[in-house]
PDB file of N, CA and C in Angstrom:
ATOM      1  N   MET A   1      89.659 -16.843  43.543  1.00  0.00           N
ATOM      2  CA  MET A   1      88.635 -17.731  43.019  1.00  0.00           C
ATOM      3  C   MET A   1      87.238 -17.104  43.164  1.00  0.00           C
ATOM      4  N   LEU A   2      86.983 -16.534  44.335  1.00  0.00           N
ATOM      5  CA  LEU A   2      85.683 -15.900  44.584  1.00  0.00           C
ATOM      6  C   LEU A   2      85.463 -14.728  43.629  1.00  0.00           C
ATOM      7  N   LYS A   3      86.536 -13.969  43.409  1.00  0.00           N
ATOM      8  CA  LYS A   3      86.442 -12.816  42.516  1.00  0.00           C
ATOM      9  C   LYS A   3      86.087 -13.250  41.088  1.00  0.00           C
ATOM     10  N   SER A   4      86.745 -14.299  40.570  1.00  0.00           N
ATOM     11  CA  SER A   4      86.430 -14.749  39.218  1.00  0.00           C
ATOM     12  C   SER A   4      85.038 -15.354  39.138  1.00  0.00           C
ATOM     13  N   THR A   5      84.577 -15.997  40.185  1.00  0.00           N
ATOM     14  CA  THR A   5      83.219 -16.537  40.203  1.00  0.00           C
ATOM     15  C   THR A   5      82.202 -15.400  40.149  1.00  0.00           C
ATOM     16  N   LEU A   6      82.433 -14.334  40.909  1.00  0.00           N
ATOM     17  CA  LEU A   6      81.539 -13.177  40.904  1.00  0.00           C
ATOM     18  C   LEU A   6      81.510 -12.509  39.536  1.00  0.00           C
ATOM     19  N   ILE A   7      82.649 -12.408  38.891  1.00  0.00           N
ATOM     20  CA  ILE A   7      82.711 -11.805  37.554  1.00  0.00           C
ATOM     21  C   ILE A   7      81.902 -12.643  36.562  1.00  0.00           C
ATOM     22  N   ILE A   8      82.048 -13.950  36.645  1.00  0.00           N
ATOM     23  CA  ILE A   8      81.299 -14.835  35.748  1.00  0.00           C
ATOM     24  C   ILE A   8      79.802 -14.703  35.993  1.00  0.00           C
ATOM     25  N   ILE A   9      79.378 -14.681  37.252  1.00  0.00           N
ATOM     26  CA  ILE A   9      77.956 -14.553  37.587  1.00  0.00           C
ATOM     27  C   ILE A   9      77.414 -13.216  37.105  1.00  0.00           C
ATOM     28  N   CYS A  10      78.137 -12.142  37.329  1.00  0.00           N
ATOM     29  CA  CYS A  10      77.687 -10.810  36.885  1.00  0.00           C
ATOM     30  C   CYS A  10      77.574 -10.753  35.358  1.00  0.00           C
ATOM     31  N   THR A  11      78.538 -11.321  34.659  1.00  0.00           N
ATOM     32  CA  THR A  11      78.505 -11.349  33.205  1.00  0.00           C
ATOM     33  C   THR A  11      77.288 -12.130  32.722  1.00  0.00           C
ATOM     34  N   PHE A  12      77.016 -13.271  33.322  1.00  0.00           N
ATOM     35  CA  PHE A  12      75.867 -14.080  32.944  1.00  0.00           C
ATOM     36  C   PHE A  12      74.565 -13.336  33.169  1.00  0.00           C
ATOM     37  N   LEU A  13      74.413 -12.697  34.321  1.00  0.00           N
ATOM     38  CA  LEU A  13      73.181 -11.976  34.633  1.00  0.00           C
ATOM     39  C   LEU A  13      72.962 -10.800  33.690  1.00  0.00           C
ATOM     40  N   SER A  14      74.015 -10.059  33.376  1.00  0.00           N
ATOM     41  CA  SER A  14      73.844  -8.927  32.467  1.00  0.00           C
ATOM     42  C   SER A  14      73.539  -9.410  31.053  1.00  0.00           C
ATOM     43  N   SER A  15      74.092 -10.543  30.640  1.00  0.00           N
ATOM     44  CA  SER A  15      73.786 -11.114  29.324  1.00  0.00           C
ATOM     45  C   SER A  15      72.339 -11.565  29.263  1.00  0.00           C
ATOM     46  N   ALA A  16      71.842 -12.162  30.311  1.00  0.00           N
ATOM     47  CA  ALA A  16      70.455 -12.626  30.340  1.00  0.00           C
ATOM     48  C   ALA A  16      69.493 -11.454  30.214  1.00  0.00           C
ATOM     49  N   THR A  17      69.842 -10.325  30.825  1.00  0.00           N
ATOM     50  CA  THR A  17      68.988  -9.145  30.727  1.00  0.00           C
ATOM     51  C   THR A  17      68.922  -8.654  29.288  1.00  0.00           C
ATOM     52  N   VAL A  18      70.078  -8.599  28.634  1.00  0.00           N
ATOM     53  CA  VAL A  18      70.115  -8.127  27.244  1.00  0.00           C
ATOM     54  C   VAL A  18      69.322  -9.060  26.331  1.00  0.00           C
ATOM     55  N   PHE A  19      69.522 -10.371  26.488  1.00  0.00           N
ATOM     56  CA  PHE A  19      68.824 -11.324  25.628  1.00  0.00           C
ATOM     57  C   PHE A  19      67.333 -11.374  25.915  1.00  0.00           C
ATOM     58  N   GLY A  20      66.894 -10.921  27.071  1.00  0.00           N
ATOM     59  CA  GLY A  20      65.476 -10.927  27.419  1.00  0.00           C
ATOM     60  C   GLY A  20      64.706  -9.771  26.809  1.00  0.00           C
ATOM     61  N   GLN A  21      65.380  -8.844  26.182  1.00  0.00           N
ATOM     62  CA  GLN A  21      64.705  -7.689  25.597  1.00  0.00           C
ATOM     63  C   GLN A  21      63.983  -8.097  24.321  1.00  0.00           C
ATOM     64  N   LEU A  22      62.763  -7.601  24.190  1.00  0.00           N
ATOM     65  CA  LEU A  22      61.967  -7.896  23.007  1.00  0.00           C
ATOM     66  C   LEU A  22      61.298  -6.637  22.481  1.00  0.00           C
ATOM     67  N   ALA A  23      60.972  -6.680  21.221  1.00  0.00           N
ATOM     68  CA  ALA A  23      60.174  -5.614  20.615  1.00  0.00           C
ATOM     69  C   ALA A  23      58.707  -5.919  20.902  1.00  0.00           C
ATOM     70  N   GLU A  24      57.854  -4.921  20.706  1.00  0.00           N
ATOM     71  CA  GLU A  24      56.420  -5.128  20.874  1.00  0.00           C
ATOM     72  C   GLU A  24      55.668  -4.283  19.860  1.00  0.00           C
ATOM     73  N   LEU A  25      54.821  -4.938  19.087  1.00  0.00           N
ATOM     74  CA  LEU A  25      53.988  -4.247  18.103  1.00  0.00           C
ATOM     75  C   LEU A  25      52.731  -3.730  18.792  1.00  0.00           C
ATOM     76  N   SER A  26      52.511  -2.436  18.724  1.00  0.00           N
ATOM     77  CA  SER A  26      51.291  -1.838  19.272  1.00  0.00           C
ATOM     78  C   SER A  26      50.589  -1.091  18.133  1.00  0.00           C
ATOM     79  N   PHE A  27      49.421  -1.610  17.746  1.00  0.00           N
ATOM     80  CA  PHE A  27      48.651  -1.033  16.653  1.00  0.00           C
ATOM     81  C   PHE A  27      47.575  -0.106  17.197  1.00  0.00           C
ATOM     82  N   ASP A  28      47.264   0.958  16.426  1.00  0.00           N
ATOM     83  CA  ASP A  28      46.118   1.805  16.765  1.00  0.00           C
ATOM     84  C   ASP A  28      44.852   0.947  16.685  1.00  0.00           C
ATOM     85  N   ARG A  29      44.732   0.189  15.602  1.00  0.00           N
ATOM     86  CA  ARG A  29      43.614  -0.748  15.385  1.00  0.00           C
ATOM     87  C   ARG A  29      44.175  -1.965  14.670  1.00  0.00           C
ATOM     88  N   LYS A  30      43.770  -3.160  15.091  1.00  0.00           N
ATOM     89  CA  LYS A  30      44.258  -4.393  14.473  1.00  0.00           C
ATOM     90  C   LYS A  30      43.283  -4.976  13.449  1.00  0.00           C
ATOM     91  N   VAL A  31      42.077  -4.413  13.388  1.00  0.00           N
ATOM     92  CA  VAL A  31      41.072  -4.883  12.435  1.00  0.00           C
ATOM     93  C   VAL A  31      40.572  -3.678  11.645  1.00  0.00           C
ATOM     94  N   HIS A  32      40.527  -3.829  10.301  1.00  0.00           N
ATOM     95  CA  HIS A  32      39.977  -2.772   9.454  1.00  0.00           C
ATOM     96  C   HIS A  32      38.821  -3.349   8.654  1.00  0.00           C
ATOM     97  N   LYS A  33      37.661  -2.683   8.731  1.00  0.00           N
ATOM     98  CA  LYS A  33      36.484  -3.091   7.964  1.00  0.00           C
ATOM     99  C   LYS A  33      36.266  -2.075   6.842  1.00  0.00           C
ATOM    100  N   PHE A  34      36.367  -2.566   5.604  1.00  0.00           N
ATOM    101  CA  PHE A  34      36.110  -1.730   4.439  1.00  0.00           C
ATOM    102  C   PHE A  34      34.603  -1.554   4.259  1.00  0.00           C
ATOM    103  N   ASP A  35      34.208  -0.481   3.561  1.00  0.00           N
ATOM    104  CA  ASP A  35      32.826  -0.335   3.128  1.00  0.00           C
ATOM    105  C   ASP A  35      32.537  -1.428   2.093  1.00  0.00           C
ATOM    106  N   THR A  36      31.274  -1.743   1.887  1.00  0.00           N
ATOM    107  CA  THR A  36      30.873  -2.732   0.886  1.00  0.00           C
ATOM    108  C   THR A  36      31.337  -2.282  -0.500  1.00  0.00           C
ATOM    109  N   VAL A  37      31.881  -3.243  -1.265  1.00  0.00           N
ATOM    110  CA  VAL A  37      32.383  -2.933  -2.610  1.00  0.00           C
ATOM    111  C   VAL A  37      31.823  -3.942  -3.612  1.00  0.00           C
ATOM    112  N   THR A  38      31.994  -3.635  -4.903  1.00  0.00           N
ATOM    113  CA  THR A  38      31.629  -4.552  -5.974  1.00  0.00           C
ATOM    114  C   THR A  38      32.841  -5.397  -6.333  1.00  0.00           C
ATOM    115  N   GLU A  39      32.597  -6.646  -6.664  1.00  0.00           N
ATOM    116  CA  GLU A  39      33.661  -7.585  -7.045  1.00  0.00           C
ATOM    117  C   GLU A  39      34.577  -6.954  -8.087  1.00  0.00           C
ATOM    118  N   GLY A  40      35.870  -7.149  -7.914  1.00  0.00           N
ATOM    119  CA  GLY A  40      36.856  -6.584  -8.827  1.00  0.00           C
ATOM    120  C   GLY A  40      37.473  -5.282  -8.345  1.00  0.00           C
ATOM    121  N   THR A  41      36.916  -4.676  -7.296  1.00  0.00           N
ATOM    122  CA  THR A  41      37.449  -3.421  -6.756  1.00  0.00           C
ATOM    123  C   THR A  41      38.726  -3.701  -5.962  1.00  0.00           C
ATOM    124  N   PRO A  42      39.852  -3.082  -6.324  1.00  0.00           N
ATOM    125  CA  PRO A  42      41.065  -3.278  -5.532  1.00  0.00           C
ATOM    126  C   PRO A  42      40.968  -2.505  -4.215  1.00  0.00           C
ATOM    127  N   LEU A  43      41.416  -3.121  -3.137  1.00  0.00           N
ATOM    128  CA  LEU A  43      41.361  -2.485  -1.818  1.00  0.00           C
ATOM    129  C   LEU A  43      42.754  -2.405  -1.210  1.00  0.00           C
ATOM    130  N   SER A  44      42.969  -1.366  -0.434  1.00  0.00           N
ATOM    131  CA  SER A  44      44.246  -1.195   0.248  1.00  0.00           C
ATOM    132  C   SER A  44      44.009  -0.501   1.578  1.00  0.00           C
ATOM    133  N   HIS A  45      44.714  -0.964   2.596  1.00  0.00           N
ATOM    134  CA  HIS A  45      44.647  -0.312   3.911  1.00  0.00           C
ATOM    135  C   HIS A  45      46.034  -0.348   4.538  1.00  0.00           C
ATOM    136  N   THR A  46      46.377   0.740   5.222  1.00  0.00           N
ATOM    137  CA  THR A  46      47.657   0.824   5.915  1.00  0.00           C
ATOM    138  C   THR A  46      47.427   0.830   7.415  1.00  0.00           C
ATOM    139  N   PHE A  47      48.022  -0.154   8.089  1.00  0.00           N
ATOM    140  CA  PHE A  47      48.002  -0.232   9.544  1.00  0.00           C
ATOM    141  C   PHE A  47      49.244   0.478  10.071  1.00  0.00           C
ATOM    142  N   THR A  48      49.067   1.352  11.055  1.00  0.00           N
ATOM    143  CA  THR A  48      50.181   2.064  11.675  1.00  0.00           C
ATOM    144  C   THR A  48      50.476   1.422  13.024  1.00  0.00           C
ATOM    145  N   PHE A  49      51.741   1.258  13.328  1.00  0.00           N
ATOM    146  CA  PHE A  49      52.121   0.651  14.604  1.00  0.00           C
ATOM    147  C   PHE A  49      53.274   1.409  15.246  1.00  0.00           C
ATOM    148  N   THR A  50      53.455   1.154  16.538  1.00  0.00           N
ATOM    149  CA  THR A  50      54.586   1.685  17.302  1.00  0.00           C
ATOM    150  C   THR A  50      55.298   0.510  17.953  1.00  0.00           C
ATOM    151  N   ASN A  51      56.613   0.561  17.973  1.00  0.00           N
ATOM    152  CA  ASN A  51      57.381  -0.436  18.710  1.00  0.00           C
ATOM    153  C   ASN A  51      57.442   0.021  20.161  1.00  0.00           C
ATOM    154  N   THR A  52      56.622  -0.571  21.015  1.00  0.00           N
ATOM    155  CA  THR A  52      56.582  -0.191  22.429  1.00  0.00           C
ATOM    156  C   THR A  52      57.469  -1.095  23.284  1.00  0.00           C
ATOM    157  N   GLY A  53      58.272  -1.915  22.641  1.00  0.00           N
ATOM    158  CA  GLY A  53      59.197  -2.786  23.360  1.00  0.00           C
ATOM    159  C   GLY A  53      60.503  -2.079  23.666  1.00  0.00           C
ATOM    160  N   ASP A  54      61.455  -2.864  24.153  1.00  0.00           N
ATOM    161  CA  ASP A  54      62.748  -2.285  24.533  1.00  0.00           C
ATOM    162  C   ASP A  54      63.897  -2.756  23.647  1.00  0.00           C
ATOM    163  N   ALA A  55      63.556  -3.305  22.476  1.00  0.00           N
ATOM    164  CA  ALA A  55      64.563  -3.731  21.500  1.00  0.00           C
ATOM    165  C   ALA A  55      64.073  -3.323  20.106  1.00  0.00           C
ATOM    166  N   PRO A  56      64.981  -3.180  19.154  1.00  0.00           N
ATOM    167  CA  PRO A  56      64.550  -2.869  17.789  1.00  0.00           C
ATOM    168  C   PRO A  56      63.620  -3.967  17.256  1.00  0.00           C
ATOM    169  N   LEU A  57      62.548  -3.560  16.587  1.00  0.00           N
ATOM    170  CA  LEU A  57      61.578  -4.493  16.021  1.00  0.00           C
ATOM    171  C   LEU A  57      62.039  -4.930  14.643  1.00  0.00           C
ATOM    172  N   ILE A  58      62.043  -6.240  14.427  1.00  0.00           N
ATOM    173  CA  ILE A  58      62.428  -6.777  13.130  1.00  0.00           C
ATOM    174  C   ILE A  58      61.318  -7.716  12.671  1.00  0.00           C
ATOM    175  N   ILE A  59      60.612  -7.316  11.610  1.00  0.00           N
ATOM    176  CA  ILE A  59      59.599  -8.178  11.008  1.00  0.00           C
ATOM    177  C   ILE A  59      60.304  -8.988   9.930  1.00  0.00           C
ATOM    178  N   THR A  60      60.227 -10.313  10.038  1.00  0.00           N
ATOM    179  CA  THR A  60      60.974 -11.154   9.104  1.00  0.00           C
ATOM    180  C   THR A  60      60.147 -11.634   7.930  1.00  0.00           C
ATOM    181  N   LYS A  61      58.841 -11.848   8.149  1.00  0.00           N
ATOM    182  CA  LYS A  61      57.990 -12.317   7.055  1.00  0.00           C
ATOM    183  C   LYS A  61      56.531 -12.172   7.461  1.00  0.00           C
ATOM    184  N   TYR A  62      55.653 -12.459   6.508  1.00  0.00           N
ATOM    185  CA  TYR A  62      54.218 -12.462   6.792  1.00  0.00           C
ATOM    186  C   TYR A  62      53.602 -13.713   6.176  1.00  0.00           C
ATOM    187  N   GLN A  63      52.403 -14.029   6.640  1.00  0.00           N
ATOM    188  CA  GLN A  63      51.667 -15.162   6.095  1.00  0.00           C
ATOM    189  C   GLN A  63      50.210 -14.745   5.927  1.00  0.00           C
ATOM    190  N   VAL A  64      49.622 -15.078   4.765  1.00  0.00           N
ATOM    191  CA  VAL A  64      48.223 -14.776   4.485  1.00  0.00           C
ATOM    192  C   VAL A  64      47.526 -16.044   4.003  1.00  0.00           C
ATOM    193  N   GLU A  65      46.195 -15.989   3.980  1.00  0.00           N
ATOM    194  CA  GLU A  65      45.404 -17.164   3.629  1.00  0.00           C
ATOM    195  C   GLU A  65      45.377 -17.452   2.132  1.00  0.00           C
ATOM    196  N   CYS A  66      45.524 -16.420   1.304  1.00  0.00           N
ATOM    197  CA  CYS A  66      45.475 -16.663  -0.143  1.00  0.00           C
ATOM    198  C   CYS A  66      46.339 -15.640  -0.874  1.00  0.00           C
ATOM    199  N   SER A  67      46.600 -15.939  -2.152  1.00  0.00           N
ATOM    200  CA  SER A  67      47.459 -15.055  -2.945  1.00  0.00           C
ATOM    201  C   SER A  67      46.763 -13.757  -3.343  1.00  0.00           C
ATOM    202  N   CYS A  68      45.480 -13.616  -3.009  1.00  0.00           N
ATOM    203  CA  CYS A  68      44.745 -12.387  -3.312  1.00  0.00           C
ATOM    204  C   CYS A  68      45.128 -11.254  -2.353  1.00  0.00           C
ATOM    205  N   THR A  69      45.902 -11.567  -1.325  1.00  0.00           N
ATOM    206  CA  THR A  69      46.291 -10.585  -0.317  1.00  0.00           C
ATOM    207  C   THR A  69      47.807 -10.400  -0.354  1.00  0.00           C
ATOM    208  N   LYS A  70      48.241  -9.172  -0.542  1.00  0.00           N
ATOM    209  CA  LYS A  70      49.674  -8.832  -0.558  1.00  0.00           C
ATOM    210  C   LYS A  70      49.962  -7.869   0.594  1.00  0.00           C
ATOM    211  N   VAL A  71      51.137  -7.998   1.160  1.00  0.00           N
ATOM    212  CA  VAL A  71      51.506  -7.186   2.319  1.00  0.00           C
ATOM    213  C   VAL A  71      52.864  -6.538   2.081  1.00  0.00           C
ATOM    214  N   THR A  72      52.959  -5.266   2.440  1.00  0.00           N
ATOM    215  CA  THR A  72      54.220  -4.542   2.407  1.00  0.00           C
ATOM    216  C   THR A  72      54.535  -4.128   3.836  1.00  0.00           C
ATOM    217  N   PHE A  73      55.750  -4.432   4.294  1.00  0.00           N
ATOM    218  CA  PHE A  73      56.147  -4.106   5.665  1.00  0.00           C
ATOM    219  C   PHE A  73      57.575  -3.576   5.678  1.00  0.00           C
ATOM    220  N   PRO A  74      57.964  -2.864   6.734  1.00  0.00           N
ATOM    221  CA  PRO A  74      59.323  -2.305   6.793  1.00  0.00           C
ATOM    222  C   PRO A  74      60.372  -3.420   6.855  1.00  0.00           C
ATOM    223  N   LYS A  75      61.397  -3.297   6.057  1.00  0.00           N
ATOM    224  CA  LYS A  75      62.495  -4.273   6.065  1.00  0.00           C
ATOM    225  C   LYS A  75      63.564  -3.892   7.083  1.00  0.00           C
ATOM    226  N   ALA A  76      63.687  -2.605   7.369  1.00  0.00           N
ATOM    227  CA  ALA A  76      64.689  -2.134   8.330  1.00  0.00           C
ATOM    228  C   ALA A  76      64.132  -2.239   9.750  1.00  0.00           C
ATOM    229  N   PRO A  77      64.996  -2.453  10.732  1.00  0.00           N
ATOM    230  CA  PRO A  77      64.537  -2.500  12.125  1.00  0.00           C
ATOM    231  C   PRO A  77      63.880  -1.180  12.542  1.00  0.00           C
ATOM    232  N   ILE A  78      62.854  -1.282  13.390  1.00  0.00           N
ATOM    233  CA  ILE A  78      62.171  -0.109  13.945  1.00  0.00           C
ATOM    234  C   ILE A  78      62.631   0.033  15.392  1.00  0.00           C
ATOM    235  N   SER A  79      63.255   1.138  15.708  1.00  0.00           N
ATOM    236  CA  SER A  79      63.791   1.376  17.051  1.00  0.00           C
ATOM    237  C   SER A  79      62.677   1.430  18.094  1.00  0.00           C
ATOM    238  N   PRO A  80      63.007   1.148  19.361  1.00  0.00           N
ATOM    239  CA  PRO A  80      62.003   1.311  20.424  1.00  0.00           C
ATOM    240  C   PRO A  80      61.436   2.734  20.393  1.00  0.00           C
ATOM    241  N   GLY A  81      60.119   2.845  20.436  1.00  0.00           N
ATOM    242  CA  GLY A  81      59.451   4.137  20.349  1.00  0.00           C
ATOM    243  C   GLY A  81      59.183   4.584  18.924  1.00  0.00           C
ATOM    244  N   GLY A  82      59.783   3.899  17.956  1.00  0.00           N
ATOM    245  CA  GLY A  82      59.598   4.254  16.544  1.00  0.00           C
ATOM    246  C   GLY A  82      58.287   3.726  15.997  1.00  0.00           C
ATOM    247  N   THR A  83      57.890   4.293  14.868  1.00  0.00           N
ATOM    248  CA  THR A  83      56.636   3.873  14.237  1.00  0.00           C
ATOM    249  C   THR A  83      56.904   3.312  12.842  1.00  0.00           C
ATOM    250  N   GLY A  84      55.934   2.567  12.350  1.00  0.00           N
ATOM    251  CA  GLY A  84      56.037   1.998  11.014  1.00  0.00           C
ATOM    252  C   GLY A  84      54.654   1.727  10.457  1.00  0.00           C
ATOM    253  N   GLU A  85      54.635   1.269   9.206  1.00  0.00           N
ATOM    254  CA  GLU A  85      53.368   0.998   8.534  1.00  0.00           C
ATOM    255  C   GLU A  85      53.413  -0.363   7.857  1.00  0.00           C
ATOM    256  N   ILE A  86      52.260  -1.025   7.887  1.00  0.00           N
ATOM    257  CA  ILE A  86      52.068  -2.277   7.172  1.00  0.00           C
ATOM    258  C   ILE A  86      50.885  -2.061   6.243  1.00  0.00           C
ATOM    259  N   THR A  87      51.118  -2.199   4.942  1.00  0.00           N
ATOM    260  CA  THR A  87      50.063  -1.985   3.959  1.00  0.00           C
ATOM    261  C   THR A  87      49.567  -3.332   3.437  1.00  0.00           C
ATOM    262  N   VAL A  88      48.239  -3.485   3.441  1.00  0.00           N
ATOM    263  CA  VAL A  88      47.599  -4.709   2.964  1.00  0.00           C
ATOM    264  C   VAL A  88      46.794  -4.370   1.710  1.00  0.00           C
ATOM    265  N   ASP A  89      47.099  -5.052   0.612  1.00  0.00           N
ATOM    266  CA  ASP A  89      46.367  -4.892  -0.642  1.00  0.00           C
ATOM    267  C   ASP A  89      45.571  -6.175  -0.874  1.00  0.00           C
ATOM    268  N   PHE A  90      44.282  -6.009  -1.182  1.00  0.00           N
ATOM    269  CA  PHE A  90      43.381  -7.152  -1.348  1.00  0.00           C
ATOM    270  C   PHE A  90      42.701  -7.079  -2.707  1.00  0.00           C
ATOM    271  N   ASP A  91      42.831  -8.145  -3.496  1.00  0.00           N
ATOM    272  CA  ASP A  91      42.216  -8.239  -4.816  1.00  0.00           C
ATOM    273  C   ASP A  91      40.868  -8.941  -4.664  1.00  0.00           C
ATOM    274  N   THR A  92      39.785  -8.239  -4.947  1.00  0.00           N
ATOM    275  CA  THR A  92      38.440  -8.786  -4.758  1.00  0.00           C
ATOM    276  C   THR A  92      37.911  -9.541  -5.987  1.00  0.00           C
ATOM    277  N   THR A  93      38.748  -9.695  -7.004  1.00  0.00           N
ATOM    278  CA  THR A  93      38.328 -10.410  -8.214  1.00  0.00           C
ATOM    279  C   THR A  93      37.886 -11.824  -7.855  1.00  0.00           C
ATOM    280  N   GLU A  94      36.710 -12.208  -8.410  1.00  0.00           N
ATOM    281  CA  GLU A  94      36.130 -13.536  -8.197  1.00  0.00           C
ATOM    282  C   GLU A  94      35.835 -13.832  -6.721  1.00  0.00           C
ATOM    283  N   LYS A  95      35.528 -12.788  -5.960  1.00  0.00           N
ATOM    284  CA  LYS A  95      35.147 -12.937  -4.555  1.00  0.00           C
ATOM    285  C   LYS A  95      33.754 -12.349  -4.385  1.00  0.00           C
ATOM    286  N   SER A  96      32.978 -12.918  -3.460  1.00  0.00           N
ATOM    287  CA  SER A  96      31.674 -12.339  -3.137  1.00  0.00           C
ATOM    288  C   SER A  96      31.325 -12.696  -1.697  1.00  0.00           C
ATOM    289  N   GLY A  97      30.407 -11.914  -1.141  1.00  0.00           N
ATOM    290  CA  GLY A  97      30.015 -12.122   0.250  1.00  0.00           C
ATOM    291  C   GLY A  97      31.051 -11.544   1.194  1.00  0.00           C
ATOM    292  N   TRP A  98      30.918 -11.915   2.461  1.00  0.00           N
ATOM    293  CA  TRP A  98      31.876 -11.429   3.459  1.00  0.00           C
ATOM    294  C   TRP A  98      33.212 -12.123   3.298  1.00  0.00           C
ATOM    295  N   GLN A  99      34.284 -11.330   3.315  1.00  0.00           N
ATOM    296  CA  GLN A  99      35.647 -11.841   3.224  1.00  0.00           C
ATOM    297  C   GLN A  99      36.430 -11.363   4.448  1.00  0.00           C
ATOM    298  N   TYR A 100      37.138 -12.289   5.059  1.00  0.00           N
ATOM    299  CA  TYR A 100      37.965 -11.992   6.228  1.00  0.00           C
ATOM    300  C   TYR A 100      39.372 -12.479   5.910  1.00  0.00           C
ATOM    301  N   ARG A 101      40.360 -11.631   6.119  1.00  0.00           N
ATOM    302  CA  ARG A 101      41.742 -12.033   5.873  1.00  0.00           C
ATOM    303  C   ARG A 101      42.602 -11.650   7.075  1.00  0.00           C
ATOM    304  N   LYS A 102      43.199 -12.670   7.696  1.00  0.00           N
ATOM    305  CA  LYS A 102      44.150 -12.439   8.781  1.00  0.00           C
ATOM    306  C   LYS A 102      45.549 -12.423   8.190  1.00  0.00           C
ATOM    307  N   ILE A 103      46.339 -11.490   8.659  1.00  0.00           N
ATOM    308  CA  ILE A 103      47.726 -11.374   8.227  1.00  0.00           C
ATOM    309  C   ILE A 103      48.589 -11.645   9.445  1.00  0.00           C
ATOM    310  N   ARG A 104      49.382 -12.697   9.377  1.00  0.00           N
ATOM    311  CA  ARG A 104      50.297 -13.040  10.473  1.00  0.00           C
ATOM    312  C   ARG A 104      51.645 -12.401  10.182  1.00  0.00           C
ATOM    313  N   LEU A 105      52.138 -11.677  11.177  1.00  0.00           N
ATOM    314  CA  LEU A 105      53.424 -10.997  11.063  1.00  0.00           C
ATOM    315  C   LEU A 105      54.420 -11.693  11.986  1.00  0.00           C
ATOM    316  N   TYR A 106      55.484 -12.199  11.414  1.00  0.00           N
ATOM    317  CA  TYR A 106      56.517 -12.881  12.201  1.00  0.00           C
ATOM    318  C   TYR A 106      57.600 -11.865  12.559  1.00  0.00           C
ATOM    319  N   ALA A 107      57.846 -11.736  13.862  1.00  0.00           N
ATOM    320  CA  ALA A 107      58.784 -10.711  14.336  1.00  0.00           C
ATOM    321  C   ALA A 107      59.378 -11.140  15.672  1.00  0.00           C
ATOM    322  N   ASN A 108      60.320 -10.357  16.155  1.00  0.00           N
ATOM    323  CA  ASN A 108      60.963 -10.636  17.440  1.00  0.00           C
ATOM    324  C   ASN A 108      60.126 -10.063  18.586  1.00  0.00           C
ATOM    325  N   VAL A 109      58.883 -10.542  18.676  1.00  0.00           N
ATOM    326  CA  VAL A 109      57.959 -10.161  19.737  1.00  0.00           C
ATOM    327  C   VAL A 109      57.760 -11.370  20.648  1.00  0.00           C
ATOM    328  N   LYS A 110      57.120 -11.163  21.783  1.00  0.00           N
ATOM    329  CA  LYS A 110      57.005 -12.201  22.808  1.00  0.00           C
ATOM    330  C   LYS A 110      56.487 -13.537  22.265  1.00  0.00           C
ATOM    331  N   LYS A 111      55.390 -13.525  21.518  1.00  0.00           N
ATOM    332  CA  LYS A 111      54.815 -14.767  21.000  1.00  0.00           C
ATOM    333  C   LYS A 111      55.415 -15.170  19.651  1.00  0.00           C
ATOM    334  N   GLY A 112      56.268 -14.342  19.085  1.00  0.00           N
ATOM    335  CA  GLY A 112      56.877 -14.636  17.796  1.00  0.00           C
ATOM    336  C   GLY A 112      56.041 -14.199  16.603  1.00  0.00           C
ATOM    337  N   ILE A 113      54.737 -14.007  16.813  1.00  0.00           N
ATOM    338  CA  ILE A 113      53.860 -13.527  15.742  1.00  0.00           C
ATOM    339  C   ILE A 113      52.857 -12.542  16.314  1.00  0.00           C
ATOM    340  N   ASP A 114      52.327 -11.710  15.431  1.00  0.00           N
ATOM    341  CA  ASP A 114      51.219 -10.808  15.756  1.00  0.00           C
ATOM    342  C   ASP A 114      50.318 -10.819  14.536  1.00  0.00           C
ATOM    343  N   GLU A 115      49.081 -10.389  14.684  1.00  0.00           N
ATOM    344  CA  GLU A 115      48.138 -10.440  13.578  1.00  0.00           C
ATOM    345  C   GLU A 115      47.372  -9.136  13.421  1.00  0.00           C
ATOM    346  N   VAL A 116      47.031  -8.839  12.170  1.00  0.00           N
ATOM    347  CA  VAL A 116      46.058  -7.806  11.836  1.00  0.00           C
ATOM    348  C   VAL A 116      45.041  -8.470  10.919  1.00  0.00           C
ATOM    349  N   GLU A 117      43.901  -7.809  10.730  1.00  0.00           N
ATOM    350  CA  GLU A 117      42.842  -8.424   9.926  1.00  0.00           C
ATOM    351  C   GLU A 117      42.097  -7.369   9.121  1.00  0.00           C
ATOM    352  N   ILE A 118      41.686  -7.770   7.910  1.00  0.00           N
ATOM    353  CA  ILE A 118      40.794  -6.929   7.106  1.00  0.00           C
ATOM    354  C   ILE A 118      39.490  -7.689   6.888  1.00  0.00           C
ATOM    355  N   ARG A 119      38.399  -6.916   6.753  1.00  0.00           N
ATOM    356  CA  ARG A 119      37.071  -7.486   6.513  1.00  0.00           C
ATOM    357  C   ARG A 119      36.373  -6.638   5.456  1.00  0.00           C
ATOM    358  N   VAL A 120      35.615  -7.301   4.594  1.00  0.00           N
ATOM    359  CA  VAL A 120      34.873  -6.568   3.568  1.00  0.00           C
ATOM    360  C   VAL A 120      33.713  -7.409   3.062  1.00  0.00           C
ATOM    361  N   LYS A 121      32.621  -6.753   2.744  1.00  0.00           N
ATOM    362  CA  LYS A 121      31.497  -7.425   2.066  1.00  0.00           C
ATOM    363  C   LYS A 121      31.580  -7.044   0.599  1.00  0.00           C
ATOM    364  N   ILE A 122      31.573  -8.078  -0.252  1.00  0.00           N
ATOM    365  CA  ILE A 122      31.728  -7.856  -1.692  1.00  0.00           C
ATOM    366  C   ILE A 122      30.443  -8.279  -2.403  1.00  0.00           C
ATOM    367  N   ASN A 123      29.898  -7.352  -3.194  1.00  0.00           N
ATOM    368  CA  ASN A 123      28.721  -7.644  -4.015  1.00  0.00           C
ATOM    369  C   ASN A 123      29.196  -8.138  -5.386  1.00  0.00           C
ATOM    370  N   GLU A 124      28.468  -9.096  -5.947  1.00  0.00           N
ATOM    371  CA  GLU A 124      28.797  -9.601  -7.278  1.00  0.00           C
ATOM    372  C   GLU A 124      28.602  -8.515  -8.325  1.00  0.00           C
ATOM    373  N   LYS A 125      29.398  -8.581  -9.409  1.00  0.00           N
ATOM    374  CA  LYS A 125      29.214  -7.655 -10.529  1.00  0.00           C
ATOM    375  C   LYS A 125      27.882  -7.950 -11.192  1.00  0.00           C
ATOM    376  N   GLU A 126      27.254  -6.895 -11.710  1.00  0.00           N
ATOM    377  CA  GLU A 126      25.980  -7.093 -12.410  1.00  0.00           C
ATOM    378  C   GLU A 126      26.188  -7.442 -13.856  1.00  0.00           C
TER     379      GLU A 126
END
């Protein structure tokens, strides 16, 4: 009886360790500021990241404030220590003044989400 109890406890503890593993997004920079542009100029920036966690990183989706912002992210898991890129494309049509866009990335990280941000000052067309 004691032997089977010990086996069950050991199995539970080792399972808890495995399930506790998470990926971690580590960006070189989480905010990118573009130079001032004229309205209508298409913008694009690529954020580079490393998975510094101990499990494969899986990004499931993203969320942005408006349809003027599109995001491309890796669909395949990123192994621990591996790197990846997230590209943000921003359409400045019918925009002026300072624009700030946060991109929420949903992934298997500690808080469940991580964010990057772009900023740009847009001058009206003449």
